[in-house]
Amino acid sequence: MPAVFVTPRALRSLSRLHPWIFSGAIAKVKGAPVSGDTVEIYSLEGDFWGLGAFSPESQIRVRVWTFAADTAIDQDFFRHRLQQAMAGRVSLATAPVPVAYRLVNAESDGLPGLIVDRYADFLVCQFLSAGVERHKAEIVAALSELMPVAGIFERSDTESRHKEGLEPHTGVLAGKEPSPLIEILENGCRYLVDVRVGHKTGFYLDQRDNRQTVGTLVKGMDVLNCFAYTGGFAVAALAGGARSVVNIESSATSLALADRNFALNNLPPEAVENICGDVFVELRNFRNSGRSFDAIILDPPKFAESRSQLERASRGYKDINLLAFKLLKPGGLLFTFSCSGHMDPDLFQKIVAGAALDAGRNGQVIRVLGQAGDHPVALSFSEGAYLKGLICRVA
C-alpha cells in the first residue's frame, strides 16, 4: 500500500483525531498513489498513524478513514460506518412520514466527503471527495442493503468537487428516479422539494430547528424573509401565526415553488408578498421608502467559498445586517445566519455588532443558533460547525 510521511505539526493535529492532512504537512510519499487511493499514514520516524484517502489535486491531500491499524477500507467498513450514522438518527427515521433528514454528515460521521440526505422514500447523495468517489459502488451497495428505498439519486454538482479534481455528476445510482417534486413533513409543515436541481440536495435541512424557532417567536408580526428560496422560513412563520411575510428571492422558479408550499399548508395568500429581486437592492429600496418590519430573516448563500474570500464576505454580511437593523421596528427581531464555514462565530458576531452600531441601533443577542442535530459536529472536527446564527432584539 502506498504511504505518506507527515511532519510533526501534522502529528499534533492527528493526535487530536482531526481527519485532514494538508499538502504542506506531507514530507514525502512512498509509492505512486492516485486520486482516491487508500494510503498508510506514518510519522517521519516510521510510526503508524492511520489510513486515509489520497487526493493529489486538493489542498487537503489526505482525509483520514481510520486511526486503527487493523481496518480494511472495504464494503464492510462502509456498512459499519453507515450503521453508526443511522443509529444516531433513529428518532428522525421514525418521525411522522414523509420524513426528511440528514443521514450522513461527512467527516463528522467518519465518512469524509460523503453527504446522504433522506427525502421520504429517496436518498440523495453527494460524493465530494476523492475517497468516497473511489468507493461509490461499495457505499451505494451498503446504503441499498441497510435502508431499502425507492431510489438513490446523486447530486455531486458542487464547487468542492473541482477542488478534488473531480467532474460534477448527477443521476440515478440505484432504484428509480425521483419525481420532479417530493413532499416532506417537517414540524407539522409540508414542503415540496426538488431534489434533482434544487439548492444543495433540494432543501436546507440544517435549518429545521431554526425554522421551528422562528415559528414560535413571530406570532402577530410582519416578517421580512430574505433569500427566501422555496419559502421554508416563510411557511414556518405563517404557520406560527405571523401576520404577514414578504419574501425576497432572486429566482422566480424558487418563488413559484414557495407559492405552492404556501398553498400546500393552506396559508392565506393575502398574507404573502413575493419580490423577485436582489436582496441588497430591495433592502435599500425599503430603507428609502421608510418601510419597517417586526422581524427580519437573513439566510444568505455561502459568501466565502475559501479563506481568501473572507474579507469580501465580511463586507457582504455587514451590508445586509446594517440594512436589516435600519428596517426593524423598536423591539424587533433579527434572525441572521452565515453558512460560510470559513466565517468564525466570533467574527460573525462582531460583524453583526458593527452593523448594529453603524445603523444606530442598540441590540441584544437573545439566542445563538446552529445546525440541526442530524448535522452533528465531531468534537475533533470544529470545521463541521459551518452554520452560525443569532437572534438579535433591537431597542
Protein backbone atom coordinates (compact mmCIF):
# COMPACT_ATOMS: atom_id res chain seq x y z
CA MET A 1 0.00 0.00 0.00
CA PRO A 2 1.32 3.50 -0.76
CA ALA A 3 2.16 5.70 2.21
CA VAL A 4 2.60 9.32 3.27
CA PHE A 5 5.04 10.55 5.90
CA VAL A 6 3.87 13.64 7.73
CA THR A 7 5.52 16.45 9.66
CA PRO A 8 5.47 16.80 13.46
CA ARG A 9 2.98 19.64 13.09
CA ALA A 10 0.59 17.30 11.28
CA LEU A 11 1.03 14.73 14.05
CA ARG A 12 -0.19 17.24 16.61
CA SER A 13 -3.39 17.55 14.60
CA LEU A 14 -3.70 13.80 14.10
CA SER A 15 -3.18 13.21 17.82
CA ARG A 16 -6.43 15.15 18.35
CA LEU A 17 -8.11 12.86 15.78
CA HIS A 18 -8.52 15.63 13.23
CA PRO A 19 -9.22 13.93 9.87
CA TRP A 20 -7.40 16.27 7.46
CA ILE A 21 -3.77 16.29 6.31
CA PHE A 22 -2.86 19.29 4.15
CA SER A 23 -0.41 19.12 1.28
CA GLY A 24 2.22 21.17 3.11
CA ALA A 25 2.20 18.71 6.02
CA ILE A 26 3.38 15.78 3.91
CA ALA A 27 7.16 15.39 3.97
CA LYS A 28 7.33 12.52 1.49
CA VAL A 29 5.21 10.00 -0.36
CA LYS A 30 6.07 6.32 -0.82
CA GLY A 31 4.73 4.68 -3.96
CA ALA A 32 2.61 6.44 -6.57
CA PRO A 33 -0.90 6.86 -5.15
CA VAL A 34 -3.57 8.23 -7.46
CA SER A 35 -6.84 10.00 -6.71
CA GLY A 36 -8.90 8.09 -4.15
CA ASP A 37 -6.23 5.53 -3.25
CA THR A 38 -6.01 4.45 0.37
CA VAL A 39 -2.63 5.36 1.85
CA GLU A 40 -0.99 4.49 5.13
CA ILE A 41 -0.01 7.45 7.30
CA TYR A 42 3.32 7.47 9.13
CA SER A 43 5.45 9.81 11.16
CA LEU A 44 8.93 10.60 9.86
CA GLU A 45 10.19 8.03 12.38
CA GLY A 46 8.03 5.34 10.80
CA ASP A 47 5.24 5.15 13.43
CA PHE A 48 1.83 4.19 12.02
CA TRP A 49 -0.94 6.78 12.49
CA GLY A 50 -3.81 5.69 10.29
CA LEU A 51 -5.31 5.12 6.84
CA GLY A 52 -6.65 7.84 4.59
CA ALA A 53 -7.86 8.68 1.10
CA PHE A 54 -5.29 10.40 -1.13
CA SER A 55 -6.32 13.41 -3.24
CA PRO A 56 -3.45 14.77 -5.38
CA GLU A 57 -5.45 17.78 -6.65
CA SER A 58 -6.67 19.03 -3.29
CA GLN A 59 -5.01 21.16 -0.63
CA ILE A 60 -6.49 18.57 1.74
CA ARG A 61 -4.15 15.90 0.44
CA VAL A 62 -5.34 13.08 2.74
CA ARG A 63 -8.66 12.58 4.51
CA VAL A 64 -8.37 10.04 7.30
CA TRP A 65 -10.62 6.99 7.18
CA THR A 66 -9.41 5.43 10.42
CA PHE A 67 -6.69 5.68 13.05
CA ALA A 68 -6.78 1.91 13.63
CA ALA A 69 -4.16 -0.36 12.04
CA ASP A 70 -6.36 -3.46 11.74
CA THR A 71 -9.00 -1.98 9.42
CA ALA A 72 -9.68 -2.67 5.77
CA ILE A 73 -11.36 0.07 3.72
CA ASP A 74 -13.96 -2.14 2.05
CA GLN A 75 -17.71 -2.61 1.90
CA ASP A 76 -17.82 -3.91 5.49
CA PHE A 77 -16.08 -0.71 6.62
CA PHE A 78 -18.66 1.48 4.89
CA ARG A 79 -21.56 -0.67 6.08
CA HIS A 80 -20.38 -0.28 9.69
CA ARG A 81 -19.94 3.49 9.41
CA LEU A 82 -23.36 3.85 7.81
CA GLN A 83 -24.94 1.72 10.54
CA GLN A 84 -23.42 4.04 13.15
CA ALA A 85 -24.79 7.09 11.34
CA MET A 86 -28.25 5.56 11.09
CA ALA A 87 -28.24 4.67 14.77
CA GLY A 88 -27.81 8.35 15.59
CA ARG A 89 -30.91 9.29 13.56
CA VAL A 90 -33.39 6.69 14.85
CA SER A 91 -35.76 9.32 16.27
CA LEU A 92 -35.87 11.12 12.94
CA ALA A 93 -36.29 7.92 10.96
CA THR A 94 -39.40 7.08 13.00
CA ALA A 95 -40.89 10.60 12.89
CA PRO A 96 -44.21 11.22 11.12
CA VAL A 97 -43.85 10.48 7.42
CA PRO A 98 -42.84 11.66 4.90
CA VAL A 99 -39.56 12.24 6.73
CA ALA A 100 -36.61 14.39 5.69
CA TYR A 101 -33.26 14.47 7.46
CA ARG A 102 -29.51 14.15 7.00
CA LEU A 103 -28.42 10.55 7.24
CA VAL A 104 -24.64 11.02 6.82
CA ASN A 105 -22.77 14.22 7.62
CA ALA A 106 -19.35 13.63 6.05
CA GLU A 107 -16.31 13.90 8.36
CA SER A 108 -18.45 14.18 11.48
CA ASP A 109 -19.88 10.72 10.74
CA GLY A 110 -16.48 9.24 9.90
CA LEU A 111 -17.09 9.31 6.13
CA PRO A 112 -15.13 12.30 4.81
CA GLY A 113 -16.76 13.98 1.85
CA LEU A 114 -19.99 11.96 1.90
CA ILE A 115 -23.39 13.60 2.33
CA VAL A 116 -26.56 11.49 2.36
CA ASP A 117 -29.96 13.12 2.87
CA ARG A 118 -33.25 11.28 3.07
CA TYR A 119 -36.38 12.73 1.49
CA ALA A 120 -39.36 10.44 2.08
CA ASP A 121 -38.58 7.25 0.13
CA PHE A 122 -35.44 8.56 -1.62
CA LEU A 123 -31.81 9.06 -0.63
CA VAL A 124 -29.87 11.94 -2.18
CA CYS A 125 -26.07 11.65 -2.06
CA GLN A 126 -23.15 13.97 -2.62
CA PHE A 127 -19.71 12.42 -3.16
CA LEU A 128 -17.48 15.42 -2.52
CA SER A 129 -14.01 13.91 -2.03
CA ALA A 130 -11.71 11.61 -3.97
CA GLY A 131 -12.01 8.84 -1.38
CA VAL A 132 -15.78 8.46 -1.40
CA GLU A 133 -15.79 8.89 -5.18
CA ARG A 134 -13.46 5.88 -5.45
CA HIS A 135 -15.69 3.80 -3.18
CA LYS A 136 -19.04 4.97 -4.55
CA ALA A 137 -20.13 1.47 -5.59
CA GLU A 138 -19.49 -0.02 -2.14
CA ILE A 139 -21.26 2.89 -0.43
CA VAL A 140 -24.33 2.66 -2.66
CA ALA A 141 -24.47 -1.12 -2.17
CA ALA A 142 -24.31 -0.70 1.62
CA LEU A 143 -26.98 2.02 1.58
CA SER A 144 -29.27 -0.17 -0.52
CA GLU A 145 -28.82 -3.04 1.92
CA LEU A 146 -29.29 -1.03 5.11
CA MET A 147 -32.09 1.31 4.03
CA PRO A 148 -34.24 -0.09 1.23
CA VAL A 149 -35.80 2.90 -0.52
CA ALA A 150 -37.40 3.62 -3.86
CA GLY A 151 -34.24 5.14 -5.24
CA ILE A 152 -30.82 6.66 -4.58
CA PHE A 153 -30.01 9.84 -6.50
CA GLU A 154 -26.66 11.61 -6.85
CA ARG A 155 -26.19 15.38 -6.59
CA SER A 156 -22.41 15.65 -6.81
CA ASP A 157 -22.55 19.02 -8.55
CA THR A 158 -20.85 21.39 -6.10
CA GLU A 159 -17.75 23.55 -6.36
CA SER A 160 -15.90 21.37 -3.84
CA ARG A 161 -15.72 18.57 -6.45
CA HIS A 162 -13.47 20.77 -8.62
CA LYS A 163 -11.06 21.24 -5.71
CA GLU A 164 -10.73 17.46 -5.61
CA GLY A 165 -10.07 17.23 -9.34
CA LEU A 166 -13.48 15.63 -9.90
CA GLU A 167 -16.09 16.47 -12.52
CA PRO A 168 -19.66 17.20 -11.43
CA HIS A 169 -22.10 14.31 -11.69
CA THR A 170 -25.82 13.83 -11.12
CA GLY A 171 -28.19 10.96 -11.80
CA VAL A 172 -29.76 7.76 -10.51
CA LEU A 173 -27.43 5.48 -8.54
CA ALA A 174 -29.97 2.81 -7.61
CA GLY A 175 -33.69 2.19 -7.96
CA LYS A 176 -35.88 4.68 -9.76
CA GLU A 177 -35.52 8.36 -10.49
CA PRO A 178 -37.28 10.70 -8.04
CA SER A 179 -40.33 12.58 -9.22
CA PRO A 180 -39.94 16.30 -10.04
CA LEU A 181 -41.18 17.19 -6.56
CA ILE A 182 -41.10 15.15 -3.34
CA GLU A 183 -43.37 16.08 -0.45
CA ILE A 184 -41.85 16.11 3.05
CA LEU A 185 -43.23 16.86 6.52
CA GLU A 186 -41.27 18.99 8.99
CA ASN A 187 -42.55 20.16 12.39
CA GLY A 188 -46.12 19.92 11.14
CA CYS A 189 -45.42 21.87 7.94
CA ARG A 190 -45.47 20.35 4.46
CA TYR A 191 -42.97 21.21 1.74
CA LEU A 192 -42.40 20.23 -1.86
CA VAL A 193 -38.71 19.60 -2.62
CA ASP A 194 -36.92 19.42 -5.96
CA VAL A 195 -34.03 17.05 -5.20
CA ARG A 196 -32.89 16.90 -8.81
CA VAL A 197 -31.93 20.54 -9.33
CA GLY A 198 -32.74 22.39 -6.09
CA HIS A 199 -30.15 24.01 -3.84
CA LYS A 200 -27.80 21.61 -2.02
CA THR A 201 -29.72 18.31 -2.10
CA GLY A 202 -33.03 20.11 -2.55
CA PHE A 203 -33.82 21.70 0.82
CA TYR A 204 -31.96 23.36 3.70
CA LEU A 205 -32.41 20.53 6.17
CA ASP A 206 -29.83 22.10 8.50
CA GLN A 207 -32.30 24.91 9.29
CA ARG A 208 -35.04 22.59 10.58
CA ASP A 209 -34.80 23.60 14.24
CA ASN A 210 -34.33 27.27 13.36
CA ARG A 211 -37.47 27.29 11.23
CA GLN A 212 -39.37 25.92 14.20
CA THR A 213 -37.83 28.59 16.45
CA VAL A 214 -38.90 31.34 14.07
CA GLY A 215 -42.43 29.96 14.08
CA THR A 216 -42.62 30.22 17.87
CA LEU A 217 -41.41 33.84 18.05
CA VAL A 218 -43.18 35.77 15.27
CA LYS A 219 -46.87 35.46 16.13
CA GLY A 220 -48.70 38.61 15.10
CA MET A 221 -45.60 40.07 13.41
CA ASP A 222 -44.89 41.46 9.95
CA VAL A 223 -41.91 39.44 8.75
CA LEU A 224 -39.33 40.09 6.01
CA ASN A 225 -37.78 36.85 4.74
CA CYS A 226 -34.61 37.49 2.71
CA PHE A 227 -33.03 34.88 0.43
CA ALA A 228 -36.36 33.10 0.71
CA TYR A 229 -35.63 30.16 -1.64
CA THR A 230 -38.78 27.98 -1.62
CA GLY A 231 -40.30 29.60 1.46
CA GLY A 232 -39.08 27.36 4.27
CA PHE A 233 -38.90 30.10 6.89
CA ALA A 234 -41.99 31.84 5.49
CA VAL A 235 -44.16 28.74 5.84
CA ALA A 236 -42.94 28.22 9.42
CA ALA A 237 -43.57 31.90 10.26
CA LEU A 238 -47.11 31.96 8.85
CA ALA A 239 -47.94 28.60 10.41
CA GLY A 240 -46.75 30.08 13.72
CA GLY A 241 -49.16 32.99 13.41
CA ALA A 242 -47.19 35.74 11.68
CA ARG A 243 -49.48 38.49 10.37
CA SER A 244 -47.66 38.79 7.05
CA VAL A 245 -44.48 37.72 5.27
CA VAL A 246 -42.57 39.47 2.50
CA ASN A 247 -40.24 37.11 0.62
CA ILE A 248 -37.26 38.35 -1.39
CA GLU A 249 -35.65 35.81 -3.72
CA SER A 250 -33.68 36.22 -6.94
CA SER A 251 -35.10 33.04 -8.53
CA ALA A 252 -38.61 33.23 -9.95
CA THR A 253 -38.66 29.42 -10.10
CA SER A 254 -37.98 29.18 -6.36
CA LEU A 255 -40.68 31.73 -5.57
CA ALA A 256 -43.17 29.79 -7.68
CA LEU A 257 -42.43 26.68 -5.63
CA ALA A 258 -42.74 28.77 -2.46
CA ASP A 259 -46.28 29.71 -3.53
CA ARG A 260 -47.07 26.02 -3.92
CA ASN A 261 -45.75 25.41 -0.40
CA PHE A 262 -47.98 28.17 0.99
CA ALA A 263 -50.99 26.60 -0.71
CA LEU A 264 -50.00 23.12 0.44
CA ASN A 265 -50.21 24.37 4.03
CA ASN A 266 -53.49 26.27 3.49
CA LEU A 267 -51.84 29.59 4.34
CA PRO A 268 -53.69 32.78 3.36
CA PRO A 269 -52.33 34.15 0.07
CA GLU A 270 -53.19 37.71 1.10
CA ALA A 271 -50.62 37.42 3.92
CA VAL A 272 -47.77 36.83 1.44
CA GLU A 273 -45.88 39.27 -0.78
CA ASN A 274 -43.20 37.90 -3.10
CA ILE A 275 -40.46 40.07 -4.57
CA CYS A 276 -38.21 38.56 -7.23
CA GLY A 277 -35.04 40.60 -6.95
CA ASP A 278 -31.64 41.19 -5.40
CA VAL A 279 -31.77 41.33 -1.59
CA PHE A 280 -29.14 44.07 -1.38
CA VAL A 281 -31.14 46.26 -3.78
CA GLU A 282 -34.54 45.55 -2.26
CA LEU A 283 -33.35 46.26 1.29
CA ARG A 284 -32.16 49.67 0.12
CA ASN A 285 -35.50 50.27 -1.57
CA PHE A 286 -37.30 49.52 1.70
CA ARG A 287 -34.93 51.82 3.59
CA ASN A 288 -35.50 54.64 1.12
CA SER A 289 -39.28 54.22 1.26
CA GLY A 290 -39.37 54.07 5.07
CA ARG A 291 -40.87 50.60 5.28
CA SER A 292 -40.26 48.65 8.50
CA PHE A 293 -40.82 45.17 9.91
CA ASP A 294 -41.26 43.40 13.25
CA ALA A 295 -38.91 40.56 12.31
CA ILE A 296 -36.33 40.03 9.57
CA ILE A 297 -34.71 36.76 8.49
CA LEU A 298 -31.33 36.84 6.72
CA ASP A 299 -30.32 33.41 5.43
CA PRO A 300 -27.89 34.19 2.59
CA PRO A 301 -25.98 31.67 0.49
CA LYS A 302 -22.34 30.97 1.25
CA PHE A 303 -20.47 34.26 0.79
CA ALA A 304 -16.98 32.76 1.29
CA GLU A 305 -16.03 29.64 -0.67
CA SER A 306 -12.41 29.97 0.52
CA ARG A 307 -10.45 31.81 3.19
CA SER A 308 -9.20 34.27 0.56
CA GLN A 309 -12.81 35.42 0.07
CA LEU A 310 -13.44 36.06 3.77
CA GLU A 311 -12.80 39.81 3.67
CA ARG A 312 -15.25 40.30 0.81
CA ALA A 313 -17.77 38.03 2.54
CA SER A 314 -17.47 40.06 5.74
CA ARG A 315 -18.40 43.21 3.82
CA GLY A 316 -21.45 41.44 2.40
CA TYR A 317 -22.63 40.29 5.83
CA LYS A 318 -22.04 43.77 7.25
CA ASP A 319 -24.08 45.37 4.47
CA ILE A 320 -27.20 43.21 4.71
CA ASN A 321 -27.22 43.24 8.53
CA LEU A 322 -26.81 47.02 8.66
CA LEU A 323 -29.75 47.47 6.30
CA ALA A 324 -31.83 44.96 8.28
CA PHE A 325 -31.21 46.81 11.56
CA LYS A 326 -32.38 50.02 9.91
CA LEU A 327 -35.63 48.34 8.84
CA LEU A 328 -36.54 46.82 12.21
CA LYS A 329 -39.18 48.38 14.41
CA PRO A 330 -38.29 49.00 18.09
CA GLY A 331 -38.33 45.65 19.87
CA GLY A 332 -38.00 43.85 16.54
CA LEU A 333 -36.17 40.57 15.98
CA LEU A 334 -33.34 39.85 13.56
CA PHE A 335 -32.67 36.21 12.69
CA THR A 336 -29.30 36.34 10.95
CA PHE A 337 -27.22 33.46 9.61
CA SER A 338 -23.93 32.58 7.95
CA CYS A 339 -23.36 29.19 6.33
CA SER A 340 -19.77 30.04 5.31
CA GLY A 341 -17.52 27.51 7.01
CA HIS A 342 -14.58 29.94 6.91
CA MET A 343 -16.56 32.51 8.91
CA ASP A 344 -15.60 32.20 12.58
CA PRO A 345 -18.55 32.53 15.01
CA ASP A 346 -16.82 35.30 16.97
CA LEU A 347 -16.08 37.22 13.78
CA PHE A 348 -19.67 36.82 12.65
CA GLN A 349 -20.98 38.26 15.91
CA LYS A 350 -18.51 41.17 15.64
CA ILE A 351 -19.76 41.88 12.12
CA VAL A 352 -23.38 41.88 13.28
CA ALA A 353 -22.47 44.08 16.27
CA GLY A 354 -20.68 46.51 13.96
CA ALA A 355 -23.70 46.60 11.67
CA ALA A 356 -25.99 47.48 14.59
CA LEU A 357 -23.61 50.22 15.71
CA ASP A 358 -23.40 51.76 12.24
CA ALA A 359 -27.18 51.57 11.95
CA GLY A 360 -27.51 53.50 15.20
CA ARG A 361 -29.34 50.67 16.96
CA ASN A 362 -28.81 49.08 20.34
CA GLY A 363 -29.34 45.34 20.40
CA GLN A 364 -29.06 42.12 22.34
CA VAL A 365 -28.29 38.56 21.32
CA ILE A 366 -31.11 36.57 22.84
CA ARG A 367 -30.20 33.21 21.32
CA VAL A 368 -27.31 31.60 19.45
CA LEU A 369 -28.37 29.21 16.69
CA GLY A 370 -26.68 26.43 14.75
CA GLN A 371 -27.40 23.47 12.50
CA ALA A 372 -29.95 20.81 13.37
CA GLY A 373 -28.90 17.74 15.35
CA ASP A 374 -28.84 15.47 12.30
CA HIS A 375 -25.89 17.63 11.16
CA PRO A 376 -23.61 16.68 14.09
CA VAL A 377 -20.15 18.15 14.61
CA ALA A 378 -17.41 15.73 15.66
CA LEU A 379 -15.55 17.04 18.71
CA SER A 380 -12.31 16.61 16.76
CA PHE A 381 -13.62 18.48 13.71
CA SER A 382 -14.72 22.00 14.58
CA GLU A 383 -14.87 22.85 10.86
CA GLY A 384 -18.11 20.87 10.78
CA ALA A 385 -19.89 23.69 12.64
CA TYR A 386 -20.45 25.71 9.47
CA LEU A 387 -23.91 27.16 10.20
CA LYS A 388 -23.93 30.11 12.59
CA GLY A 389 -26.97 32.08 13.61
CA LEU A 390 -28.03 34.81 16.03
CA ILE A 391 -31.38 36.09 17.19
CA CYS A 392 -30.99 39.76 17.99
CA ARG A 393 -33.55 42.05 19.59
CA VAL A 394 -33.25 45.76 18.96
CA ALA A 395 -34.29 48.68 21.16
